[in-house]
Amino acid sequence: MSQHQAYKVIVGEIEMLNKEIDMKIIKGLSYADESRRHKTLLARLKHATPDRSWWFKRSVNLISALVF
């Protein structure tokens, strides 16, 4: 599965989970399990999202290491 496909799948899962959490809030039910799943999906999303500025961060770290 490509990074883009993984991103789309995770976003879709988060959207469905958000709807489920909203319904539980409306009904006054506990949503602790869904909250943990949401947190896990957000962490996975962070790793599936390409970091377009990695080269900038890396160069800043290198420059700061050389200067200081």
N, C-alpha and C. Protein backbone atom coordinates (compact mmCIF):
# COMPACT_ATOMS: atom_id res chain seq x y z
N MET A 1 0.86 -1.17 0.00
CA MET A 1 0.00 0.00 0.00
C MET A 1 0.90 1.24 0.00
N SER A 2 0.62 2.14 -0.89
CA SER A 2 1.44 3.34 -0.97
C SER A 2 1.12 4.28 0.19
N GLN A 3 1.98 5.25 0.39
CA GLN A 3 1.80 6.20 1.48
C GLN A 3 0.52 7.01 1.28
N HIS A 4 0.22 7.35 0.04
CA HIS A 4 -0.98 8.12 -0.26
C HIS A 4 -2.24 7.30 0.03
N GLN A 5 -2.23 6.04 -0.34
CA GLN A 5 -3.37 5.16 -0.07
C GLN A 5 -3.57 4.97 1.43
N ALA A 6 -2.47 4.78 2.16
CA ALA A 6 -2.56 4.61 3.61
C ALA A 6 -3.14 5.86 4.24
N TYR A 7 -2.72 7.02 3.76
CA TYR A 7 -3.23 8.29 4.27
C TYR A 7 -4.74 8.37 4.08
N LYS A 8 -5.21 8.02 2.88
CA LYS A 8 -6.65 8.10 2.58
C LYS A 8 -7.45 7.13 3.45
N VAL A 9 -6.93 5.92 3.65
CA VAL A 9 -7.62 4.93 4.48
C VAL A 9 -7.73 5.41 5.92
N ILE A 10 -6.64 5.94 6.45
CA ILE A 10 -6.63 6.41 7.84
C ILE A 10 -7.58 7.59 8.01
N VAL A 11 -7.57 8.52 7.07
CA VAL A 11 -8.48 9.67 7.14
C VAL A 11 -9.93 9.20 7.11
N GLY A 12 -10.22 8.22 6.26
CA GLY A 12 -11.58 7.68 6.20
C GLY A 12 -12.00 7.04 7.52
N GLU A 13 -11.08 6.29 8.14
CA GLU A 13 -11.37 5.67 9.43
C GLU A 13 -11.62 6.72 10.50
N ILE A 14 -10.82 7.78 10.48
CA ILE A 14 -10.99 8.85 11.47
C ILE A 14 -12.34 9.53 11.30
N GLU A 15 -12.74 9.76 10.06
CA GLU A 15 -14.04 10.40 9.81
C GLU A 15 -15.19 9.53 10.32
N MET A 16 -15.12 8.21 10.06
CA MET A 16 -16.17 7.31 10.55
C MET A 16 -16.18 7.26 12.08
N LEU A 17 -15.00 7.24 12.66
CA LEU A 17 -14.89 7.20 14.12
C LEU A 17 -15.42 8.48 14.74
N ASN A 18 -15.16 9.61 14.10
CA ASN A 18 -15.69 10.88 14.61
C ASN A 18 -17.21 10.88 14.63
N LYS A 19 -17.82 10.32 13.59
CA LYS A 19 -19.29 10.23 13.55
C LYS A 19 -19.80 9.35 14.68
N GLU A 20 -19.11 8.23 14.91
CA GLU A 20 -19.51 7.32 15.98
C GLU A 20 -19.37 7.99 17.35
N ILE A 21 -18.29 8.73 17.55
CA ILE A 21 -18.08 9.45 18.81
C ILE A 21 -19.17 10.50 18.99
N ASP A 22 -19.49 11.23 17.93
CA ASP A 22 -20.55 12.24 18.01
C ASP A 22 -21.88 11.63 18.42
N MET A 23 -22.21 10.47 17.86
CA MET A 23 -23.47 9.81 18.20
C MET A 23 -23.48 9.38 19.67
N LYS A 24 -22.35 8.89 20.15
CA LYS A 24 -22.28 8.47 21.55
C LYS A 24 -22.39 9.68 22.48
N ILE A 25 -21.81 10.80 22.09
CA ILE A 25 -21.92 12.02 22.90
C ILE A 25 -23.38 12.46 22.96
N ILE A 26 -24.05 12.44 21.81
CA ILE A 26 -25.46 12.84 21.76
C ILE A 26 -26.31 11.93 22.64
N LYS A 27 -26.00 10.62 22.62
CA LYS A 27 -26.77 9.66 23.42
C LYS A 27 -26.35 9.65 24.89
N GLY A 28 -25.25 10.31 25.21
CA GLY A 28 -24.77 10.35 26.59
C GLY A 28 -24.03 9.09 27.01
N LEU A 29 -23.47 8.37 26.06
CA LEU A 29 -22.73 7.14 26.34
C LEU A 29 -21.24 7.41 26.44
N SER A 30 -20.52 6.48 27.06
CA SER A 30 -19.07 6.60 27.17
C SER A 30 -18.43 6.32 25.81
N TYR A 31 -17.39 7.07 25.50
CA TYR A 31 -16.69 6.88 24.22
C TYR A 31 -15.19 6.74 24.45
N ALA A 32 -14.80 6.16 25.59
CA ALA A 32 -13.39 6.01 25.93
C ALA A 32 -12.65 5.12 24.93
N ASP A 33 -13.26 4.00 24.54
CA ASP A 33 -12.61 3.10 23.58
C ASP A 33 -12.38 3.79 22.24
N GLU A 34 -13.39 4.51 21.79
CA GLU A 34 -13.26 5.23 20.52
C GLU A 34 -12.21 6.33 20.62
N SER A 35 -12.10 6.94 21.78
CA SER A 35 -11.11 7.99 21.98
C SER A 35 -9.69 7.43 21.85
N ARG A 36 -9.46 6.27 22.43
CA ARG A 36 -8.14 5.63 22.32
C ARG A 36 -7.85 5.26 20.86
N ARG A 37 -8.84 4.74 20.18
CA ARG A 37 -8.66 4.38 18.76
C ARG A 37 -8.35 5.62 17.92
N HIS A 38 -9.03 6.72 18.23
CA HIS A 38 -8.81 7.99 17.53
C HIS A 38 -7.38 8.46 17.74
N LYS A 39 -6.90 8.36 18.97
CA LYS A 39 -5.54 8.79 19.28
C LYS A 39 -4.52 7.94 18.51
N THR A 40 -4.77 6.64 18.44
CA THR A 40 -3.89 5.73 17.70
C THR A 40 -3.89 6.06 16.21
N LEU A 41 -5.07 6.32 15.67
CA LEU A 41 -5.15 6.65 14.24
C LEU A 41 -4.44 7.96 13.93
N LEU A 42 -4.54 8.94 14.83
CA LEU A 42 -3.84 10.21 14.61
C LEU A 42 -2.33 9.99 14.60
N ALA A 43 -1.84 9.12 15.47
CA ALA A 43 -0.41 8.82 15.48
C ALA A 43 0.01 8.14 14.18
N ARG A 44 -0.82 7.20 13.70
CA ARG A 44 -0.54 6.54 12.42
C ARG A 44 -0.59 7.53 11.27
N LEU A 45 -1.51 8.47 11.34
CA LEU A 45 -1.64 9.48 10.30
C LEU A 45 -0.40 10.36 10.24
N LYS A 46 0.15 10.67 11.40
CA LYS A 46 1.36 11.49 11.45
C LYS A 46 2.51 10.79 10.72
N HIS A 47 2.60 9.47 10.87
CA HIS A 47 3.67 8.71 10.21
C HIS A 47 3.37 8.46 8.73
N ALA A 48 2.10 8.46 8.36
CA ALA A 48 1.73 8.22 6.95
C ALA A 48 1.79 9.49 6.12
N THR A 49 1.81 10.64 6.78
CA THR A 49 1.83 11.91 6.07
C THR A 49 3.26 12.25 5.69
N PRO A 50 3.53 12.46 4.42
CA PRO A 50 4.89 12.81 4.02
C PRO A 50 5.28 14.19 4.54
N ASP A 51 6.48 14.26 5.08
CA ASP A 51 6.97 15.53 5.61
C ASP A 51 7.74 16.23 4.49
N ARG A 52 7.12 17.22 3.91
CA ARG A 52 7.71 17.89 2.75
C ARG A 52 8.88 18.81 3.12
N SER A 53 9.01 19.16 4.39
CA SER A 53 10.07 20.08 4.78
C SER A 53 11.20 19.37 5.52
N TRP A 54 11.35 18.06 5.33
CA TRP A 54 12.38 17.32 6.06
C TRP A 54 13.77 17.82 5.72
N TRP A 55 13.99 18.18 4.48
CA TRP A 55 15.31 18.65 4.07
C TRP A 55 15.65 19.97 4.75
N PHE A 56 14.65 20.83 4.96
CA PHE A 56 14.89 22.11 5.63
C PHE A 56 15.24 21.88 7.09
N LYS A 57 14.48 21.05 7.76
CA LYS A 57 14.74 20.76 9.17
C LYS A 57 16.12 20.13 9.35
N ARG A 58 16.44 19.22 8.44
CA ARG A 58 17.74 18.55 8.54
C ARG A 58 18.88 19.54 8.30
N SER A 59 18.73 20.44 7.34
CA SER A 59 19.79 21.40 7.06
C SER A 59 19.94 22.40 8.21
N VAL A 60 18.84 22.80 8.83
CA VAL A 60 18.91 23.71 9.97
C VAL A 60 19.63 23.03 11.12
N ASN A 61 19.32 21.76 11.38
CA ASN A 61 20.00 21.02 12.44
C ASN A 61 21.49 20.90 12.16
N LEU A 62 21.84 20.64 10.91
CA LEU A 62 23.24 20.52 10.54
C LEU A 62 23.97 21.84 10.71
N ILE A 63 23.37 22.91 10.24
CA ILE A 63 23.99 24.24 10.36
C ILE A 63 24.15 24.62 11.83
N SER A 64 23.12 24.39 12.64
CA SER A 64 23.22 24.75 14.05
C SER A 64 24.28 23.90 14.76
N ALA A 65 24.46 22.65 14.34
CA ALA A 65 25.48 21.80 14.94
C ALA A 65 26.88 22.30 14.57
N LEU A 66 27.03 22.80 13.35
CA LEU A 66 28.33 23.30 12.92
C LEU A 66 28.67 24.65 13.54
N VAL A 67 27.67 25.48 13.73
CA VAL A 67 27.89 26.83 14.26
C VAL A 67 28.15 26.79 15.76
N PHE A 68 27.40 25.98 16.46
CA PHE A 68 27.50 25.99 17.93
C PHE A 68 28.33 24.86 18.39
